[in-house]
Structures are given as structure tokens and as C-alpha cells.
């Protein structure tokens, strides 16, 4: 849709708003990294825990050293030695696992709230995590609230067509029939909105 809109109308958006269904890693990575579009989209994230155990967000990402730092200050690394084979240890574009040392976790005072059932803590890093983190930061801005309100205005129009005007299914066949049916429904919707904008007379009997 973005390519078609840019090709036909010459419009290229600076930001894009959508619901959580579009907040997967592939979509966010494509929008942020390839198209340089600000994504006001909630991130699909199942890493947050509610049982009192530390979540992935409690670990600090150290990009320079390609590792996570736990709240106790210990490093979780993907690899702990250099491979003689250059093909080993390379990024395959998938999910990465960062592990702490077993000896470190066994003597850590916070083991019960970090990895009570495991010998050592493991943290996964999803593909396009940089884009996902950028989307999380965008959600905390005032611009996100503005985009959310605008998105709801558009979505409410479709909800009104479906629930109030009964446009749950098309009754006319073919593209031309669908076009006519949507056009008539939009006209009815606009007339209803215009009727609400019309000022009502304060004293109907005086005008009569």
C-alpha cells in the first residue's frame, strides 16, 4: 500500500500508525530500517513476566560488546570464545540467545528472582530488536497519543459503517456494485454527521 500510494499520488508518509496486529518484528524492521518511517505501532512482546521474575527489559543491552548486563552487573554473552572457523558464530538473522555463566548464577544472591528453576539465566534477542526498541520509545511520546487519536477517528468510521449502517456484507455484485454501495454508505454517513453539526433552534414555537 505504501508503494502504491507513493507511485500513484507521490505521497510518502513520515510516520505510520496501526494496531498491535502489525507490531511484529518483520513489519517494524521493514518500516524503520528500510523505509525510515516512524512507527507508532504497539510492539508484540511476550517477554514481560508477571510472576516476579526479572523480564528481558530488566537487562541492559550493551551494543558495543554484543552482550546483556543483568541487574547484578554480570554479562550475558552469546559466544565466549573466538572460533577459528569464520563461518561459525556469525549472525544468521534469527533469534539470538545470550547466556550467563553457570558458576556466576549459582552464587548470585538474586538467583531466586532471576532463574529459580534454571542453572543459569538465558535472555533471547529477537530479530530487528533495534526497530522494536525504537517503536517502544515512540510509544512514550506525545506524538504517539496524537497518532492514536487520529487512528481511532478513522477506525470509528469503518465501525460506524459496519454496526450502524449495516454494511457487514456487500449486496451488489462486481467492482462497480461494490463502489456504488460504498459511495451510498459514505453519503449516508456524511449526511448524518452534517445533521449533528446543524445548530438547533432554542425556541421551536417562536419560529413556528
C-alpha atoms as a PDB file:
ATOM      1  CA  UNK A   1       0.000   0.000   0.000  1.00  0.00           C
ATOM      2  CA  UNK A   2       2.851   2.381   0.747  1.00  0.00           C
ATOM      3  CA  UNK A   3       4.495   1.705  -2.615  1.00  0.00           C
ATOM      4  CA  UNK A   4       1.217   2.074  -4.491  1.00  0.00           C
ATOM      5  CA  UNK A   5       0.331   5.331  -2.745  1.00  0.00           C
ATOM      6  CA  UNK A   6       3.763   6.796  -3.406  1.00  0.00           C
ATOM      7  CA  UNK A   7       3.689   5.738  -7.061  1.00  0.00           C
ATOM      8  CA  UNK A   8       0.160   6.963  -7.778  1.00  0.00           C
ATOM      9  CA  UNK A   9      -0.078  10.121  -5.643  1.00  0.00           C
ATOM     10  CA  UNK A  10       3.535  10.920  -4.800  1.00  0.00           C
ATOM     11  CA  UNK A  11       2.768  10.736  -1.064  1.00  0.00           C
ATOM     12  CA  UNK A  12       5.379   9.273   1.254  1.00  0.00           C
ATOM     13  CA  UNK A  13       4.432   9.202   4.963  1.00  0.00           C
ATOM     14  CA  UNK A  14       6.845  10.290   7.668  1.00  0.00           C
ATOM     15  CA  UNK A  15       5.058   8.191  10.295  1.00  0.00           C
ATOM     16  CA  UNK A  16       2.559   5.371  10.331  1.00  0.00           C
ATOM     17  CA  UNK A  17       0.010   4.307  12.960  1.00  0.00           C
ATOM     18  CA  UNK A  18      -1.528   0.848  13.270  1.00  0.00           C
ATOM     19  CA  UNK A  19      -2.794  -1.557  15.908  1.00  0.00           C
ATOM     20  CA  UNK A  20      -0.889  -4.353  17.646  1.00  0.00           C
ATOM     21  CA  UNK A  21      -1.547  -6.861  14.859  1.00  0.00           C
ATOM     22  CA  UNK A  22       1.093  -5.046  12.762  1.00  0.00           C
ATOM     23  CA  UNK A  23       3.661  -4.849  15.571  1.00  0.00           C
ATOM     24  CA  UNK A  24       5.730  -7.913  14.679  1.00  0.00           C
ATOM     25  CA  UNK A  25       9.468  -7.784  14.141  1.00  0.00           C
ATOM     26  CA  UNK A  26       9.335  -8.080  10.343  1.00  0.00           C
ATOM     27  CA  UNK A  27       6.963  -5.147   9.871  1.00  0.00           C
ATOM     28  CA  UNK A  28       8.783  -2.880  12.315  1.00  0.00           C
ATOM     29  CA  UNK A  29      12.170  -3.747  10.837  1.00  0.00           C
ATOM     30  CA  UNK A  30      10.932  -3.033   7.302  1.00  0.00           C
ATOM     31  CA  UNK A  31       9.356   0.297   8.290  1.00  0.00           C
ATOM     32  CA  UNK A  32      12.169   1.643  10.452  1.00  0.00           C
ATOM     33  CA  UNK A  33      15.298   0.186   8.895  1.00  0.00           C
ATOM     34  CA  UNK A  34      14.407   0.099   5.190  1.00  0.00           C
ATOM     35  CA  UNK A  35      11.815   2.852   4.767  1.00  0.00           C
ATOM     36  CA  UNK A  36      12.894   5.220   7.601  1.00  0.00           C
ATOM     37  CA  UNK A  37       9.263   5.640   8.712  1.00  0.00           C
ATOM     38  CA  UNK A  38       8.436   6.405  12.339  1.00  0.00           C
ATOM     39  CA  UNK A  39       6.236   3.553  13.566  1.00  0.00           C
ATOM     40  CA  UNK A  40       3.548   4.397  16.107  1.00  0.00           C
ATOM     41  CA  UNK A  41       2.657   0.725  16.475  1.00  0.00           C
ATOM     42  CA  UNK A  42       2.444  -1.274  19.723  1.00  0.00           C
ATOM     43  CA  UNK A  43       5.136  -3.968  19.763  1.00  0.00           C
ATOM     44  CA  UNK A  44       4.134  -7.615  20.006  1.00  0.00           C
ATOM     45  CA  UNK A  45       6.231  -8.569  23.012  1.00  0.00           C
ATOM     46  CA  UNK A  46       5.778 -11.690  25.142  1.00  0.00           C
ATOM     47  CA  UNK A  47       8.985 -11.290  27.135  1.00  0.00           C
ATOM     48  CA  UNK A  48       7.436  -9.383  30.044  1.00  0.00           C
ATOM     49  CA  UNK A  49       6.796 -11.543  33.088  1.00  0.00           C
ATOM     50  CA  UNK A  50       4.202 -11.059  35.816  1.00  0.00           C
ATOM     51  CA  UNK A  51       5.363 -13.707  38.311  1.00  0.00           C
ATOM     52  CA  UNK A  52       8.040 -11.567  39.943  1.00  0.00           C
ATOM     53  CA  UNK A  53      10.895 -12.967  37.835  1.00  0.00           C
ATOM     54  CA  UNK A  54      13.130 -10.492  36.042  1.00  0.00           C
ATOM     55  CA  UNK A  55      11.980  -9.804  32.488  1.00  0.00           C
ATOM     56  CA  UNK A  56      14.190  -9.109  29.499  1.00  0.00           C
ATOM     57  CA  UNK A  57      13.575  -5.387  29.915  1.00  0.00           C
ATOM     58  CA  UNK A  58      15.378  -5.548  33.290  1.00  0.00           C
ATOM     59  CA  UNK A  59      18.601  -6.451  31.486  1.00  0.00           C
ATOM     60  CA  UNK A  60      20.648  -3.661  29.921  1.00  0.00           C
ATOM     61  CA  UNK A  61      21.743  -4.093  26.310  1.00  0.00           C
ATOM     62  CA  UNK A  62      25.426  -3.382  25.636  1.00  0.00           C
ATOM     63  CA  UNK A  63      25.608  -2.934  21.879  1.00  0.00           C
ATOM     64  CA  UNK A  64      29.332  -2.191  21.768  1.00  0.00           C
ATOM     65  CA  UNK A  65      30.217  -5.558  23.310  1.00  0.00           C
ATOM     66  CA  UNK A  66      27.216  -7.528  21.980  1.00  0.00           C
ATOM     67  CA  UNK A  67      26.025  -8.593  25.407  1.00  0.00           C
ATOM     68  CA  UNK A  68      23.372  -8.054  28.073  1.00  0.00           C
ATOM     69  CA  UNK A  69      24.148  -6.833  31.573  1.00  0.00           C
ATOM     70  CA  UNK A  70      21.991  -8.209  34.352  1.00  0.00           C
ATOM     71  CA  UNK A  71      20.842  -6.043  37.298  1.00  0.00           C
ATOM     72  CA  UNK A  72      23.661  -7.557  39.377  1.00  0.00           C
ATOM     73  CA  UNK A  73      26.248  -6.376  36.840  1.00  0.00           C
ATOM     74  CA  UNK A  74      27.101  -9.733  35.244  1.00  0.00           C
ATOM     75  CA  UNK A  75      27.475 -10.198  31.490  1.00  0.00           C
ATOM     76  CA  UNK A  76      25.298 -12.481  29.370  1.00  0.00           C
ATOM     77  CA  UNK A  77      27.041 -13.299  26.105  1.00  0.00           C
ATOM     78  CA  UNK A  78      26.168 -15.220  23.001  1.00  0.00           C
ATOM     79  CA  UNK A  79      29.669 -16.590  22.465  1.00  0.00           C
ATOM     80  CA  UNK A  80      32.537 -16.704  24.953  1.00  0.00           C
ATOM     81  CA  UNK A  81      35.384 -17.664  22.627  1.00  0.00           C
ATOM     82  CA  UNK A  82      36.598 -16.837  19.143  1.00  0.00           C
ATOM     83  CA  UNK A  83      36.081 -19.522  16.516  1.00  0.00           C
ATOM     84  CA  UNK A  84      38.872 -20.485  14.165  1.00  0.00           C
ATOM     85  CA  UNK A  85      36.246 -21.208  11.510  1.00  0.00           C
ATOM     86  CA  UNK A  86      34.953 -17.808  10.240  1.00  0.00           C
ATOM     87  CA  UNK A  87      31.563 -19.345   9.360  1.00  0.00           C
ATOM     88  CA  UNK A  88      30.843 -20.247  12.962  1.00  0.00           C
ATOM     89  CA  UNK A  89      29.460 -17.746  15.388  1.00  0.00           C
ATOM     90  CA  UNK A  90      28.042 -15.482  12.683  1.00  0.00           C
ATOM     91  CA  UNK A  91      24.675 -13.802  12.870  1.00  0.00           C
ATOM     92  CA  UNK A  92      22.120 -15.800  10.882  1.00  0.00           C
ATOM     93  CA  UNK A  93      19.413 -13.151  11.120  1.00  0.00           C
ATOM     94  CA  UNK A  94      17.329 -15.158  13.588  1.00  0.00           C
ATOM     95  CA  UNK A  95      16.757 -15.149  17.311  1.00  0.00           C
ATOM     96  CA  UNK A  96      19.886 -14.904  19.465  1.00  0.00           C
ATOM     97  CA  UNK A  97      20.438 -16.388  22.901  1.00  0.00           C
ATOM     98  CA  UNK A  98      22.634 -14.718  25.493  1.00  0.00           C
ATOM     99  CA  UNK A  99      23.657 -16.823  28.467  1.00  0.00           C
ATOM    100  CA  UNK A 100      25.301 -16.137  31.773  1.00  0.00           C
ATOM    101  CA  UNK A 101      27.959 -18.350  33.308  1.00  0.00           C
ATOM    102  CA  UNK A 102      26.631 -21.201  35.403  1.00  0.00           C
ATOM    103  CA  UNK A 103      29.147 -20.525  38.170  1.00  0.00           C
ATOM    104  CA  UNK A 104      28.088 -16.885  38.315  1.00  0.00           C
ATOM    105  CA  UNK A 105      24.363 -17.633  38.580  1.00  0.00           C
ATOM    106  CA  UNK A 106      24.810 -20.362  41.199  1.00  0.00           C
ATOM    107  CA  UNK A 107      26.452 -17.915  43.613  1.00  0.00           C
ATOM    108  CA  UNK A 108      24.333 -14.876  42.708  1.00  0.00           C
ATOM    109  CA  UNK A 109      22.156 -13.513  45.585  1.00  0.00           C
ATOM    110  CA  UNK A 110      19.352 -12.691  43.121  1.00  0.00           C
ATOM    111  CA  UNK A 111      19.039 -16.162  41.615  1.00  0.00           C
ATOM    112  CA  UNK A 112      15.558 -16.735  43.059  1.00  0.00           C
ATOM    113  CA  UNK A 113      14.140 -13.740  41.159  1.00  0.00           C
ATOM    114  CA  UNK A 114      16.235 -14.291  38.052  1.00  0.00           C
ATOM    115  CA  UNK A 115      16.391 -18.008  37.219  1.00  0.00           C
ATOM    116  CA  UNK A 116      14.975 -20.055  40.134  1.00  0.00           C
ATOM    117  CA  UNK A 117      14.407 -23.198  38.042  1.00  0.00           C
ATOM    118  CA  UNK A 118      17.410 -22.966  35.725  1.00  0.00           C
ATOM    119  CA  UNK A 119      21.110 -23.369  36.322  1.00  0.00           C
ATOM    120  CA  UNK A 120      21.915 -20.121  34.502  1.00  0.00           C
ATOM    121  CA  UNK A 121      19.924 -17.218  33.081  1.00  0.00           C
ATOM    122  CA  UNK A 122      19.311 -17.019  29.347  1.00  0.00           C
ATOM    123  CA  UNK A 123      17.970 -13.946  27.541  1.00  0.00           C
ATOM    124  CA  UNK A 124      16.789 -14.035  23.939  1.00  0.00           C
ATOM    125  CA  UNK A 125      17.110 -11.159  21.490  1.00  0.00           C
ATOM    126  CA  UNK A 126      14.564 -11.059  18.675  1.00  0.00           C
ATOM    127  CA  UNK A 127      15.361 -10.115  15.058  1.00  0.00           C
ATOM    128  CA  UNK A 128      15.097  -6.379  14.340  1.00  0.00           C
ATOM    129  CA  UNK A 129      15.287  -5.667  18.055  1.00  0.00           C
ATOM    130  CA  UNK A 130      16.634  -2.165  17.355  1.00  0.00           C
ATOM    131  CA  UNK A 131      13.480  -1.320  15.414  1.00  0.00           C
ATOM    132  CA  UNK A 132      11.333  -2.848  18.158  1.00  0.00           C
ATOM    133  CA  UNK A 133      13.097  -0.766  20.790  1.00  0.00           C
ATOM    134  CA  UNK A 134      12.617   2.351  18.651  1.00  0.00           C
ATOM    135  CA  UNK A 135       8.882   1.614  18.453  1.00  0.00           C
ATOM    136  CA  UNK A 136       8.749   1.236  22.245  1.00  0.00           C
ATOM    137  CA  UNK A 137      10.356   4.655  22.696  1.00  0.00           C
ATOM    138  CA  UNK A 138       7.946   6.219  20.175  1.00  0.00           C
ATOM    139  CA  UNK A 139       5.014   4.911  22.189  1.00  0.00           C
ATOM    140  CA  UNK A 140       6.093   7.012  25.183  1.00  0.00           C
ATOM    141  CA  UNK A 141       5.981  10.307  23.250  1.00  0.00           C
ATOM    142  CA  UNK A 142       3.160  12.830  22.908  1.00  0.00           C
ATOM    143  CA  UNK A 143       3.175  12.283  19.153  1.00  0.00           C
ATOM    144  CA  UNK A 144       2.062   8.694  19.744  1.00  0.00           C
ATOM    145  CA  UNK A 145      -1.054   9.900  21.578  1.00  0.00           C
ATOM    146  CA  UNK A 146      -1.854  12.227  18.678  1.00  0.00           C
ATOM    147  CA  UNK A 147      -1.459   9.403  16.153  1.00  0.00           C
ATOM    148  CA  UNK A 148      -3.601   7.116  18.310  1.00  0.00           C
ATOM    149  CA  UNK A 149      -6.438   9.648  18.372  1.00  0.00           C
ATOM    150  CA  UNK A 150      -6.239  10.105  14.601  1.00  0.00           C
ATOM    151  CA  UNK A 151      -6.216   6.337  14.061  1.00  0.00           C
ATOM    152  CA  UNK A 152      -9.302   5.927  16.219  1.00  0.00           C
ATOM    153  CA  UNK A 153     -11.151   8.563  14.195  1.00  0.00           C
ATOM    154  CA  UNK A 154     -10.508   6.590  11.009  1.00  0.00           C
ATOM    155  CA  UNK A 155     -11.351   3.248  12.593  1.00  0.00           C
ATOM    156  CA  UNK A 156     -14.584   4.619  14.045  1.00  0.00           C
ATOM    157  CA  UNK A 157     -15.787   5.479  10.540  1.00  0.00           C
ATOM    158  CA  UNK A 158     -15.463   1.853   9.463  1.00  0.00           C
ATOM    159  CA  UNK A 159     -17.028   0.632  12.705  1.00  0.00           C
ATOM    160  CA  UNK A 160     -19.964   3.001  12.143  1.00  0.00           C
ATOM    161  CA  UNK A 161     -20.431   1.717   8.592  1.00  0.00           C
ATOM    162  CA  UNK A 162     -20.489  -1.858   9.838  1.00  0.00           C
ATOM    163  CA  UNK A 163     -22.579  -1.580  13.001  1.00  0.00           C
ATOM    164  CA  UNK A 164     -24.876   1.412  12.458  1.00  0.00           C
ATOM    165  CA  UNK A 165     -25.388   1.397   8.690  1.00  0.00           C
ATOM    166  CA  UNK A 166     -25.368  -2.393   8.443  1.00  0.00           C
ATOM    167  CA  UNK A 167     -22.540  -2.682   5.923  1.00  0.00           C
ATOM    168  CA  UNK A 168     -21.444  -6.078   7.219  1.00  0.00           C
ATOM    169  CA  UNK A 169     -21.607  -7.585   3.731  1.00  0.00           C
ATOM    170  CA  UNK A 170     -21.975  -6.308   0.179  1.00  0.00           C
ATOM    171  CA  UNK A 171     -25.290  -6.866  -1.587  1.00  0.00           C
ATOM    172  CA  UNK A 172     -24.299  -5.718  -5.080  1.00  0.00           C
ATOM    173  CA  UNK A 173     -22.063  -7.795  -7.320  1.00  0.00           C
ATOM    174  CA  UNK A 174     -18.877  -6.781  -9.111  1.00  0.00           C
ATOM    175  CA  UNK A 175     -16.423  -3.907  -8.565  1.00  0.00           C
ATOM    176  CA  UNK A 176     -18.902  -1.317  -9.823  1.00  0.00           C
ATOM    177  CA  UNK A 177     -21.599  -2.594  -7.493  1.00  0.00           C
ATOM    178  CA  UNK A 178     -19.212  -2.507  -4.535  1.00  0.00           C
ATOM    179  CA  UNK A 179     -18.143   1.026  -5.476  1.00  0.00           C
ATOM    180  CA  UNK A 180     -21.760   2.226  -5.640  1.00  0.00           C
ATOM    181  CA  UNK A 181     -22.645   0.583  -2.350  1.00  0.00           C
ATOM    182  CA  UNK A 182     -19.678   2.103  -0.513  1.00  0.00           C
ATOM    183  CA  UNK A 183     -20.411   5.502  -2.077  1.00  0.00           C
ATOM    184  CA  UNK A 184     -24.041   5.452  -0.907  1.00  0.00           C
ATOM    185  CA  UNK A 185     -22.978   4.334   2.581  1.00  0.00           C
ATOM    186  CA  UNK A 186     -20.412   7.161   2.777  1.00  0.00           C
ATOM    187  CA  UNK A 187     -23.040   9.678   1.666  1.00  0.00           C
ATOM    188  CA  UNK A 188     -25.400   8.487   4.391  1.00  0.00           C
ATOM    189  CA  UNK A 189     -22.604   8.696   6.919  1.00  0.00           C
ATOM    190  CA  UNK A 190     -21.683  12.247   5.930  1.00  0.00           C
ATOM    191  CA  UNK A 191     -25.332  13.377   5.975  1.00  0.00           C
ATOM    192  CA  UNK A 192     -25.673  12.014   9.492  1.00  0.00           C
ATOM    193  CA  UNK A 193     -22.591  13.945  10.586  1.00  0.00           C
ATOM    194  CA  UNK A 194     -23.847  17.147   8.918  1.00  0.00           C
ATOM    195  CA  UNK A 195     -27.178  16.821  10.679  1.00  0.00           C
ATOM    196  CA  UNK A 196     -25.411  16.765  14.030  1.00  0.00           C
ATOM    197  CA  UNK A 197     -23.432  19.897  13.133  1.00  0.00           C
ATOM    198  CA  UNK A 198     -26.585  21.881  12.303  1.00  0.00           C
ATOM    199  CA  UNK A 199     -27.424  24.272  15.183  1.00  0.00           C
ATOM    200  CA  UNK A 200     -30.742  23.501  16.830  1.00  0.00           C
ATOM    201  CA  UNK A 201     -33.256  26.266  17.439  1.00  0.00           C
ATOM    202  CA  UNK A 202     -33.545  27.266  21.091  1.00  0.00           C
ATOM    203  CA  UNK A 203     -37.315  28.014  20.904  1.00  0.00           C
ATOM    204  CA  UNK A 204     -39.124  25.975  18.237  1.00  0.00           C
ATOM    205  CA  UNK A 205     -42.518  27.590  19.000  1.00  0.00           C
ATOM    206  CA  UNK A 206     -41.210  31.097  18.304  1.00  0.00           C
ATOM    207  CA  UNK A 207     -40.005  30.108  14.850  1.00  0.00           C
ATOM    208  CA  UNK A 208     -43.293  28.378  14.090  1.00  0.00           C
END
